[in-house]
Amino acid sequence: MHTPDAAMSRLARLALTYSFERIHMDPPPLDAPISYDEMHRRVGETVTADGIGGDEALRLFMNVLAPACISVDHPAFLSFVPGAPTEASVIFDMVVSASGIYTGSWLEGAGAVYAENQALRWIADLAGFPESAGGAFVSGGTAGNLSALIAARHRWRERADGRADRWRGLVVASEGAHSSVKQAARAMDADVVTVEADETGRLTAERLRTAVDGLHPDDRARVFAVVATGGTTNLGVVDDLTAAADIAGELDVWFHVDGAYGAAALCAPSVRHLFVGVERADSLIVDPHKWLFAPYDSCALVYRNIHDGRRAHTQHAEYLDVLHGGEDPDRPWLEMNPADVAHHLSRRARGLPLWFSLATHGTRAYSEAMEITLDVTRDGADEIRRRPYLQLLLEPDLSILVFRRLGWTPDQYRRWSDEQLHAGRSFVVPSSWKGETVLRFCIVNPRTTREHLVTILDSLAADPAPAVR
């Protein structure tokens, strides 16, 4: 099974041919899901005692399974947070899988860790972090937020000299924070104080101050982190990071910035001012698979002081002892084990596709691509304003547009969305804001143009077809 032979060589060529053709599709097909019953009819059972053969498995993937997955890199994929990996990053993702490398430790994956750290250093520099900054690439924003908050609680308990070891910790975060912040708190058996956002969904100094001042002294003593969002997922607004940093400083607790979607825009000069205060964060996350043009899955977790991450996360076991203690004593962060700074141990080199694309194209190209998406977003806002049947609900901070189609019911939104997807025109699902069904564009693909948005917005002029009963 593990011996290369002629059949595997031919299968490799077929797979590489498919991959080559998929990479060069411009645009790729949007595609759409099918029902389980239809899937089972067309695919059947694939995991059997004797196998179905590589040719058949690849045929099923190319002809049935892949077309039943929506292409996140289609320029009219505007729901959730799309992806738009560069060709260079996709190519190198294949190289990573073929290279047989493990990057939990410097000992085993020094070359890959060195390259990943250069990509992390670029992000740290964008944020204004000091030389001691560093981190690791984890699977996504949920893993990044969890790892950062574990480090935050660990430092809080260290500083309490044992007094807080049995206390249930408390996190202060905005109601606009990503759901993974509350999920991390549940996993850690911690509490969350939710601060009411303003009318635009932003965490502000006044409301944060009111929430913290209203805490009982016992609860204030339990606070171990203040979390702000650098680009909320639903609305794309950037919290008042300076205010969050100030409050965290007064409480002498950790300041974490969840920039999974929006912090990619640190490289865009036109919006860099929105992130003033991020340089004071103790930790920052940003997902390259969202707006930094890398394939799934990848989240850059960066600590202001990487030793905070190492003290919280380093695992100890007899067979792991050999991995510790060999770092440069003057600059230990340069040879830090990625497994020592997050909640994982085993990990693939998920930061290498971003590194390869950065090394290939240069950071200036990333700034230019980011500005393209921001320009298209501003154009889209103009297009919404000029249509009498639409209403823009928020001026965009970054690349998310939230608007309503006047007079529509939730069912009309849903039927229009389904029509668009199954006709292969766009993928735009309804969202909600303040209890109302609305539409939302998230634009992170430099291949998304004003013309794409115009076509979609024009389609909203007429009511969708009645549902078939």
Protein backbone atom coordinates (compact mmCIF):
# COMPACT_ATOMS: atom_id res chain seq x y z
CA MET A 1 0.00 0.00 0.00
CA HIS A 2 2.93 2.35 0.66
CA THR A 3 5.08 1.23 -2.27
CA PRO A 4 5.11 3.54 -5.32
CA ASP A 5 4.20 1.67 -8.47
CA ALA A 6 3.09 2.42 -11.99
CA ALA A 7 -0.56 2.72 -10.96
CA MET A 8 0.26 5.27 -8.26
CA SER A 9 2.48 7.23 -10.65
CA ARG A 10 -0.34 7.42 -13.16
CA LEU A 11 -2.80 8.39 -10.41
CA ALA A 12 -0.43 11.14 -9.28
CA ARG A 13 -0.32 12.53 -12.80
CA LEU A 14 -4.11 12.50 -13.01
CA ALA A 15 -4.42 14.25 -9.65
CA LEU A 16 -1.82 16.85 -10.57
CA THR A 17 -3.53 17.47 -13.91
CA TYR A 18 -6.82 18.07 -12.10
CA SER A 19 -5.08 20.36 -9.62
CA PHE A 20 -3.33 22.29 -12.39
CA GLU A 21 -6.60 22.80 -14.27
CA ARG A 22 -8.45 23.83 -11.08
CA ILE A 23 -5.79 26.38 -10.17
CA HIS A 24 -6.08 28.02 -13.58
CA MET A 25 -9.88 28.26 -13.70
CA ASP A 26 -10.80 31.93 -13.86
CA PRO A 27 -13.41 31.97 -12.52
CA PRO A 28 -13.94 28.50 -11.09
CA PRO A 29 -17.48 27.11 -11.15
CA LEU A 30 -19.54 28.33 -8.20
CA ASP A 31 -21.13 24.89 -7.70
CA ALA A 32 -23.76 24.03 -5.07
CA PRO A 33 -24.67 21.30 -2.57
CA ILE A 34 -27.00 18.43 -3.36
CA SER A 35 -29.17 16.38 -1.02
CA TYR A 36 -27.86 13.37 0.86
CA ASP A 37 -30.15 11.03 -1.07
CA GLU A 38 -28.93 12.36 -4.41
CA MET A 39 -25.33 12.17 -3.22
CA HIS A 40 -25.77 8.59 -2.11
CA ARG A 41 -27.43 7.66 -5.39
CA ARG A 42 -24.54 9.09 -7.41
CA VAL A 43 -21.65 8.07 -5.17
CA GLY A 44 -22.71 5.10 -3.10
CA GLU A 45 -20.37 3.42 -0.61
CA THR A 46 -16.71 4.30 -1.15
CA VAL A 47 -15.01 2.83 1.90
CA THR A 48 -15.06 -0.93 1.36
CA ALA A 49 -12.98 -3.95 2.31
CA ASP A 50 -11.26 -4.19 -1.08
CA GLY A 51 -11.35 -0.50 -2.06
CA ILE A 52 -12.84 1.01 -5.19
CA GLY A 53 -9.50 1.95 -6.74
CA GLY A 54 -7.79 5.29 -7.06
CA ASP A 55 -9.14 6.00 -10.54
CA GLU A 56 -12.74 5.56 -9.42
CA ALA A 57 -12.24 7.52 -6.18
CA LEU A 58 -10.68 10.40 -8.12
CA ARG A 59 -13.44 10.27 -10.73
CA LEU A 60 -16.11 10.49 -8.02
CA PHE A 61 -14.33 13.42 -6.41
CA MET A 62 -13.92 15.36 -9.64
CA ASN A 63 -17.38 14.65 -11.04
CA VAL A 64 -19.64 14.50 -7.98
CA LEU A 65 -18.04 15.39 -4.65
CA ALA A 66 -16.12 18.53 -5.61
CA PRO A 67 -19.05 20.04 -7.61
CA ALA A 68 -21.21 19.56 -4.50
CA CYS A 69 -18.91 21.96 -2.61
CA ILE A 70 -19.31 25.70 -3.12
CA SER A 71 -16.07 27.26 -4.38
CA VAL A 72 -14.97 29.80 -1.76
CA ASP A 73 -12.65 31.44 -4.29
CA HIS A 74 -15.41 32.28 -6.78
CA PRO A 75 -15.56 36.08 -7.17
CA ALA A 76 -19.31 36.05 -6.47
CA PHE A 77 -18.92 34.04 -3.26
CA LEU A 78 -19.75 36.88 -0.85
CA SER A 79 -21.21 35.02 2.15
CA PHE A 80 -19.61 34.31 5.52
CA VAL A 81 -15.92 35.15 4.96
CA PRO A 82 -14.79 33.82 1.57
CA GLY A 83 -11.27 32.80 0.61
CA ALA A 84 -9.10 33.82 -2.30
CA PRO A 85 -5.81 31.91 -2.12
CA THR A 86 -3.11 32.95 -4.54
CA GLU A 87 -1.98 30.39 -7.09
CA ALA A 88 1.42 30.40 -5.40
CA SER A 89 -0.07 29.51 -2.01
CA VAL A 90 -2.17 26.69 -3.46
CA ILE A 91 0.80 25.25 -5.31
CA PHE A 92 2.88 25.29 -2.16
CA ASP A 93 0.08 23.72 -0.14
CA MET A 94 0.54 20.69 -2.38
CA VAL A 95 4.31 20.84 -1.80
CA VAL A 96 3.79 20.89 1.97
CA SER A 97 1.62 17.77 1.81
CA ALA A 98 4.18 15.98 -0.35
CA SER A 99 7.19 16.95 1.78
CA GLY A 100 6.60 14.73 4.80
CA ILE A 101 7.51 17.35 7.40
CA TYR A 102 6.28 17.87 10.94
CA THR A 103 6.45 21.32 12.48
CA GLY A 104 5.62 20.94 16.13
CA SER A 105 9.26 21.45 17.07
CA TRP A 106 12.38 23.22 15.88
CA LEU A 107 14.29 19.94 16.11
CA GLU A 108 12.07 18.20 13.57
CA GLY A 109 11.03 21.06 11.32
CA ALA A 110 13.61 23.83 11.68
CA GLY A 111 13.51 24.93 8.04
CA ALA A 112 9.74 25.09 7.89
CA VAL A 113 9.47 26.81 11.30
CA TYR A 114 12.07 29.38 10.20
CA ALA A 115 9.99 30.22 7.12
CA GLU A 116 6.73 30.33 9.07
CA ASN A 117 8.34 32.64 11.61
CA GLN A 118 9.24 35.09 8.86
CA ALA A 119 5.59 35.28 7.87
CA LEU A 120 4.64 35.74 11.54
CA ARG A 121 7.26 38.48 11.87
CA TRP A 122 5.66 40.37 8.98
CA ILE A 123 2.31 40.28 10.79
CA ALA A 124 3.94 41.27 14.09
CA ASP A 125 5.62 44.23 12.40
CA LEU A 126 2.33 45.33 10.85
CA ALA A 127 0.86 45.37 14.35
CA GLY A 128 3.82 47.25 15.80
CA PHE A 129 4.88 44.43 18.13
CA PRO A 130 8.40 44.31 19.64
CA GLU A 131 11.23 41.93 18.78
CA SER A 132 10.09 39.48 21.46
CA ALA A 133 6.85 38.83 19.54
CA GLY A 134 6.19 35.45 18.00
CA GLY A 135 3.72 32.65 17.85
CA ALA A 136 2.47 29.85 15.67
CA PHE A 137 -0.01 29.02 12.96
CA VAL A 138 -3.03 27.13 14.30
CA SER A 139 -6.06 25.75 12.51
CA GLY A 140 -8.37 28.78 12.69
CA GLY A 141 -9.63 31.71 14.71
CA THR A 142 -11.40 29.49 17.23
CA ALA A 143 -8.14 27.71 18.06
CA GLY A 144 -6.28 31.01 18.09
CA ASN A 145 -8.69 32.70 20.49
CA LEU A 146 -8.71 29.68 22.79
CA SER A 147 -4.90 29.49 22.89
CA ALA A 148 -4.54 33.21 23.55
CA LEU A 149 -7.11 33.17 26.36
CA ILE A 150 -5.48 30.13 27.96
CA ALA A 151 -2.23 32.11 28.02
CA ALA A 152 -4.08 35.13 29.43
CA ARG A 153 -5.56 33.13 32.29
CA HIS A 154 -2.23 31.45 32.99
CA ARG A 155 -0.48 34.80 33.37
CA TRP A 156 -3.31 36.11 35.59
CA ARG A 157 -2.97 33.13 37.91
CA GLU A 158 0.82 33.37 37.93
CA ARG A 159 0.64 36.98 39.04
CA ALA A 160 -1.88 36.12 41.76
CA ASP A 161 0.65 33.81 43.47
CA GLY A 162 -1.88 31.06 43.95
CA ARG A 163 -4.82 33.16 45.12
CA ALA A 164 -6.69 32.75 41.82
CA ASP A 165 -5.87 29.09 41.17
CA ARG A 166 -9.39 27.99 42.12
CA TRP A 167 -11.21 31.07 40.86
CA ARG A 168 -13.44 30.93 37.85
CA GLY A 169 -11.95 33.54 35.53
CA LEU A 170 -13.86 36.20 33.64
CA VAL A 171 -13.41 37.69 30.16
CA VAL A 172 -14.71 41.10 29.11
CA ALA A 173 -15.80 41.23 25.46
CA SER A 174 -18.22 43.08 23.21
CA GLU A 175 -21.54 41.64 22.09
CA GLY A 176 -20.05 41.88 18.59
CA ALA A 177 -17.22 39.49 19.50
CA HIS A 178 -16.97 36.29 17.50
CA SER A 179 -18.87 33.31 18.89
CA SER A 180 -15.55 31.52 19.43
CA VAL A 181 -14.75 33.83 22.36
CA LYS A 182 -17.72 32.47 24.31
CA GLN A 183 -16.91 28.98 23.06
CA ALA A 184 -13.36 29.35 24.42
CA ALA A 185 -14.74 30.53 27.76
CA ARG A 186 -17.00 27.47 27.94
CA ALA A 187 -14.07 25.20 27.18
CA MET A 188 -12.03 26.91 29.91
CA ASP A 189 -14.95 27.01 32.39
CA ALA A 190 -14.74 30.79 32.48
CA ASP A 191 -17.39 33.52 32.35
CA VAL A 192 -17.88 36.30 29.83
CA VAL A 193 -19.11 39.82 30.58
CA THR A 194 -20.77 41.01 27.38
CA VAL A 195 -20.46 44.74 26.75
CA GLU A 196 -23.28 46.30 24.75
CA ALA A 197 -22.02 47.65 21.44
CA ASP A 198 -23.09 51.02 20.05
CA GLU A 199 -25.62 51.50 17.26
CA THR A 200 -23.00 50.53 14.65
CA GLY A 201 -21.98 47.33 16.45
CA ARG A 202 -18.74 48.82 17.79
CA LEU A 203 -17.20 48.44 21.24
CA THR A 204 -16.68 51.99 22.48
CA ALA A 205 -14.76 53.54 25.36
CA GLU A 206 -17.91 54.82 27.08
CA ARG A 207 -19.76 51.51 27.03
CA LEU A 208 -16.71 49.51 28.01
CA ARG A 209 -16.08 51.86 30.92
CA THR A 210 -19.69 51.58 32.06
CA ALA A 211 -19.59 47.79 31.98
CA VAL A 212 -16.32 47.52 33.89
CA ASP A 213 -17.28 50.16 36.48
CA GLY A 214 -20.51 48.25 37.07
CA LEU A 215 -18.74 45.03 38.04
CA HIS A 216 -18.87 43.90 41.64
CA PRO A 217 -15.38 44.04 43.23
CA ASP A 218 -15.33 40.24 43.42
CA ASP A 219 -15.99 40.04 39.68
CA ARG A 220 -13.37 42.68 38.88
CA ALA A 221 -10.85 40.47 40.65
CA ARG A 222 -11.83 37.58 38.36
CA VAL A 223 -11.18 39.45 35.11
CA PHE A 224 -8.17 38.02 33.30
CA ALA A 225 -8.63 39.38 29.76
CA VAL A 226 -10.24 42.13 27.73
CA VAL A 227 -11.06 41.08 24.16
CA ALA A 228 -11.58 43.52 21.30
CA THR A 229 -12.35 42.72 17.69
CA GLY A 230 -10.40 44.05 14.74
CA GLY A 231 -13.20 43.66 12.20
CA THR A 232 -16.35 41.94 13.43
CA THR A 233 -17.46 39.00 11.32
CA ASN A 234 -21.04 40.10 10.68
CA LEU A 235 -20.60 43.87 10.25
CA GLY A 236 -16.87 44.37 9.66
CA VAL A 237 -16.48 47.13 12.25
CA VAL A 238 -13.29 47.68 14.24
CA ASP A 239 -13.68 48.14 17.98
CA ASP A 240 -12.07 51.03 19.84
CA LEU A 241 -8.79 49.24 20.41
CA THR A 242 -7.23 52.10 22.35
CA ALA A 243 -10.10 52.08 24.84
CA ALA A 244 -9.82 48.33 25.28
CA ALA A 245 -6.07 48.63 25.81
CA ASP A 246 -6.62 51.37 28.40
CA ILE A 247 -9.12 49.32 30.39
CA ALA A 248 -6.92 46.22 30.24
CA GLY A 249 -4.04 48.33 31.51
CA GLU A 250 -6.06 49.71 34.40
CA LEU A 251 -7.16 46.21 35.39
CA ASP A 252 -3.62 44.90 34.80
CA VAL A 253 -4.94 42.07 32.65
CA TRP A 254 -4.33 40.64 29.20
CA PHE A 255 -5.47 42.53 26.10
CA HIS A 256 -6.37 40.27 23.17
CA VAL A 257 -7.37 41.40 19.68
CA ASP A 258 -9.42 38.99 17.58
CA GLY A 259 -8.56 40.08 14.06
CA ALA A 260 -9.34 36.75 12.40
CA TYR A 261 -11.08 38.49 9.50
CA GLY A 262 -10.19 42.16 9.71
CA ALA A 263 -6.61 42.42 10.97
CA ALA A 264 -5.40 41.43 7.50
CA ALA A 265 -6.15 45.06 6.61
CA LEU A 266 -3.22 46.15 8.77
CA CYS A 267 -1.30 46.04 5.49
CA ALA A 268 -3.71 48.50 3.80
CA PRO A 269 -2.61 52.14 4.27
CA SER A 270 -6.12 53.48 3.65
CA VAL A 271 -7.56 51.84 6.79
CA ARG A 272 -4.50 51.34 9.01
CA HIS A 273 -5.67 54.17 11.27
CA LEU A 274 -8.65 52.08 12.37
CA PHE A 275 -6.28 49.73 14.20
CA VAL A 276 -4.53 52.26 16.43
CA GLY A 277 -4.11 50.54 19.79
CA VAL A 278 -3.40 47.06 18.40
CA GLU A 279 0.29 47.64 19.11
CA ARG A 280 -0.57 47.44 22.84
CA ALA A 281 -2.17 44.00 22.58
CA ASP A 282 -0.71 41.01 24.39
CA SER A 283 -1.94 38.76 21.60
CA LEU A 284 -3.42 39.06 18.13
CA ILE A 285 -4.91 36.57 15.72
CA VAL A 286 -5.49 36.86 11.98
CA ASP A 287 -6.61 34.11 9.59
CA PRO A 288 -4.58 34.01 6.35
CA HIS A 289 -7.26 31.77 4.83
CA LYS A 290 -9.69 34.68 5.06
CA TRP A 291 -8.22 37.92 3.74
CA LEU A 292 -4.52 37.14 3.35
CA PHE A 293 -4.97 34.98 0.28
CA ALA A 294 -3.90 31.60 1.71
CA PRO A 295 -5.71 28.23 1.52
CA TYR A 296 -7.53 26.59 4.41
CA ASP A 297 -6.72 26.15 7.19
CA SER A 298 -4.53 28.73 8.88
CA CYS A 299 -4.65 31.22 11.74
CA ALA A 300 -1.65 33.29 12.77
CA LEU A 301 -1.50 33.54 16.57
CA VAL A 302 1.01 36.22 17.59
CA TYR A 303 2.00 37.07 21.16
CA ARG A 304 3.54 40.37 22.09
CA ASN A 305 5.93 38.33 24.25
CA ILE A 306 6.15 34.75 23.01
CA HIS A 307 7.28 33.58 26.45
CA ASP A 308 3.74 34.19 27.73
CA GLY A 309 2.53 31.59 25.28
CA ARG A 310 5.31 29.15 26.11
CA ARG A 311 4.76 29.30 29.86
CA ALA A 312 1.07 28.49 29.40
CA HIS A 313 1.25 25.82 26.73
CA THR A 314 4.48 23.84 26.89
CA GLN A 315 3.71 20.16 27.41
CA HIS A 316 6.06 18.02 29.47
CA ALA A 317 6.65 14.31 29.01
CA GLU A 318 9.68 12.04 29.01
CA TYR A 319 9.77 11.75 25.26
CA LEU A 320 9.43 15.54 24.82
CA ASP A 321 12.34 16.53 27.09
CA VAL A 322 14.78 16.45 24.20
CA LEU A 323 12.86 19.30 22.51
CA HIS A 324 13.49 21.80 25.29
CA GLY A 325 16.49 23.81 26.42
CA GLY A 326 18.43 24.09 23.19
CA GLU A 327 17.41 27.62 22.22
CA ASP A 328 19.76 30.57 21.86
CA PRO A 329 19.82 31.97 25.43
CA ASP A 330 19.93 35.56 24.16
CA ARG A 331 17.14 35.16 21.58
CA PRO A 332 15.19 32.05 22.54
CA TRP A 333 12.09 33.09 20.62
CA LEU A 334 13.88 32.47 17.32
CA GLU A 335 14.00 28.70 17.88
CA MET A 336 10.78 28.29 19.85
CA ASN A 337 8.78 25.13 19.28
CA PRO A 338 5.42 26.01 17.68
CA ALA A 339 3.81 23.26 19.77
CA ASP A 340 4.84 25.14 22.92
CA VAL A 341 2.81 28.29 22.27
CA ALA A 342 -0.71 27.01 21.52
CA HIS A 343 -3.08 24.30 22.72
CA HIS A 344 -1.94 21.87 20.03
CA LEU A 345 0.99 19.47 19.88
CA SER A 346 0.91 17.82 16.45
CA ARG A 347 0.69 20.28 13.59
CA ARG A 348 1.31 20.51 9.87
CA ALA A 349 3.24 23.42 8.40
CA ARG A 350 0.06 25.35 7.73
CA GLY A 351 1.88 28.70 7.61
CA LEU A 352 4.11 27.73 4.68
CA PRO A 353 1.62 28.49 1.88
CA LEU A 354 1.33 32.07 3.16
CA TRP A 355 5.11 32.33 3.50
CA PHE A 356 5.67 31.05 -0.04
CA SER A 357 3.15 33.48 -1.49
CA LEU A 358 4.68 36.40 0.45
CA ALA A 359 8.16 35.38 -0.67
CA THR A 360 6.97 34.99 -4.26
CA HIS A 361 5.00 38.21 -4.65
CA GLY A 362 6.38 40.52 -1.97
CA THR A 363 4.45 42.37 0.72
CA ARG A 364 3.71 45.36 -1.53
CA ALA A 365 1.54 43.12 -3.72
CA TYR A 366 -0.46 42.17 -0.63
CA SER A 367 -1.09 45.82 0.20
CA GLU A 368 -2.17 46.48 -3.37
CA ALA A 369 -4.54 43.48 -3.43
CA MET A 370 -6.02 44.56 -0.10
CA GLU A 371 -6.67 48.06 -1.41
CA ILE A 372 -8.39 46.59 -4.49
CA THR A 373 -10.93 44.79 -2.29
CA LEU A 374 -11.48 47.94 -0.23
CA ASP A 375 -12.04 50.03 -3.36
CA VAL A 376 -14.58 47.52 -4.67
CA THR A 377 -16.35 47.63 -1.29
CA ARG A 378 -16.63 51.42 -1.47
CA ASP A 379 -17.91 51.14 -5.04
CA GLY A 380 -20.46 48.61 -3.83
CA ALA A 381 -21.66 51.01 -1.15
CA ASP A 382 -22.18 53.66 -3.84
CA GLU A 383 -24.13 51.19 -5.98
CA ILE A 384 -26.42 50.31 -3.07
CA ARG A 385 -27.11 53.97 -2.33
CA ARG A 386 -28.18 54.72 -5.87
CA ARG A 387 -30.83 51.98 -5.93
CA PRO A 388 -34.18 53.09 -4.45
CA TYR A 389 -35.14 49.52 -3.50
CA LEU A 390 -32.04 49.06 -1.32
CA GLN A 391 -30.81 50.74 1.85
CA LEU A 392 -27.22 50.69 3.11
CA LEU A 393 -27.34 50.15 6.87
CA LEU A 394 -23.75 50.94 7.82
CA GLU A 395 -20.86 52.78 6.22
CA PRO A 396 -18.18 50.10 5.76
CA ASP A 397 -15.10 50.17 7.95
CA LEU A 398 -13.44 47.39 5.98
CA SER A 399 -14.84 45.12 3.26
CA ILE A 400 -18.29 44.14 4.54
CA LEU A 401 -21.49 45.72 3.24
CA VAL A 402 -24.75 45.29 5.17
CA PHE A 403 -27.97 46.41 3.53
CA ARG A 404 -31.69 45.71 3.31
CA ARG A 405 -33.94 45.04 0.36
CA LEU A 406 -36.92 47.26 1.16
CA GLY A 407 -40.21 45.45 1.53
CA TRP A 408 -38.90 41.89 1.56
CA THR A 409 -39.80 39.16 4.03
CA PRO A 410 -37.26 36.63 5.34
CA ASP A 411 -38.74 34.06 2.95
CA GLN A 412 -38.13 36.33 -0.05
CA TYR A 413 -34.51 36.81 0.97
CA ARG A 414 -34.08 33.05 1.24
CA ARG A 415 -35.74 32.30 -2.10
CA TRP A 416 -33.66 34.93 -3.88
CA SER A 417 -30.47 33.53 -2.31
CA ASP A 418 -31.36 29.98 -3.37
CA GLU A 419 -32.11 31.12 -6.93
CA GLN A 420 -28.77 32.87 -7.17
CA LEU A 421 -26.78 29.89 -5.93
CA HIS A 422 -28.47 27.18 -7.97
CA ALA A 423 -28.28 29.30 -11.11
CA GLY A 424 -24.53 29.63 -10.55
CA ARG A 425 -24.68 33.43 -10.30
CA SER A 426 -23.66 34.20 -6.70
CA PHE A 427 -23.52 32.90 -3.17
CA VAL A 428 -25.09 35.50 -0.88
CA VAL A 429 -27.00 34.15 2.10
CA PRO A 430 -29.18 36.33 4.35
CA SER A 431 -27.78 37.49 7.66
CA SER A 432 -29.43 39.42 10.46
CA TRP A 433 -28.83 42.66 12.30
CA LYS A 434 -30.84 43.88 15.30
CA GLY A 435 -33.30 41.06 14.73
CA GLU A 436 -33.97 41.97 11.08
CA THR A 437 -33.14 39.81 8.08
CA VAL A 438 -30.64 41.65 5.88
CA LEU A 439 -28.11 40.99 3.15
CA ARG A 440 -24.38 41.06 3.61
CA PHE A 441 -21.48 41.12 1.17
CA CYS A 442 -18.00 40.18 2.39
CA ILE A 443 -15.43 41.13 -0.25
CA VAL A 444 -11.98 39.61 0.19
CA ASN A 445 -11.26 38.42 -3.33
CA PRO A 446 -9.28 40.81 -5.56
CA ARG A 447 -11.04 39.19 -8.54
CA THR A 448 -14.40 40.44 -7.30
CA THR A 449 -15.23 43.51 -9.36
CA ARG A 450 -17.75 46.32 -9.27
CA GLU A 451 -19.46 44.59 -12.20
CA HIS A 452 -20.02 41.45 -10.11
CA LEU A 453 -21.74 43.53 -7.44
CA VAL A 454 -23.80 45.48 -9.99
CA THR A 455 -25.16 42.26 -11.48
CA ILE A 456 -26.14 40.92 -8.07
CA LEU A 457 -27.70 44.19 -6.92
CA ASP A 458 -29.68 44.52 -10.14
CA SER A 459 -31.13 41.06 -9.57
CA LEU A 460 -32.69 42.34 -6.34
CA ALA A 461 -35.00 44.73 -8.20
CA ALA A 462 -37.58 42.03 -8.91
CA ASP A 463 -39.20 39.79 -6.34
CA PRO A 464 -38.00 36.17 -6.36
CA ALA A 465 -40.13 33.48 -7.93
CA PRO A 466 -42.80 31.99 -5.66
CA ALA A 467 -41.80 28.85 -3.81
CA VAL A 468 -42.80 25.61 -5.52
CA ARG A 469 -45.16 23.54 -3.37
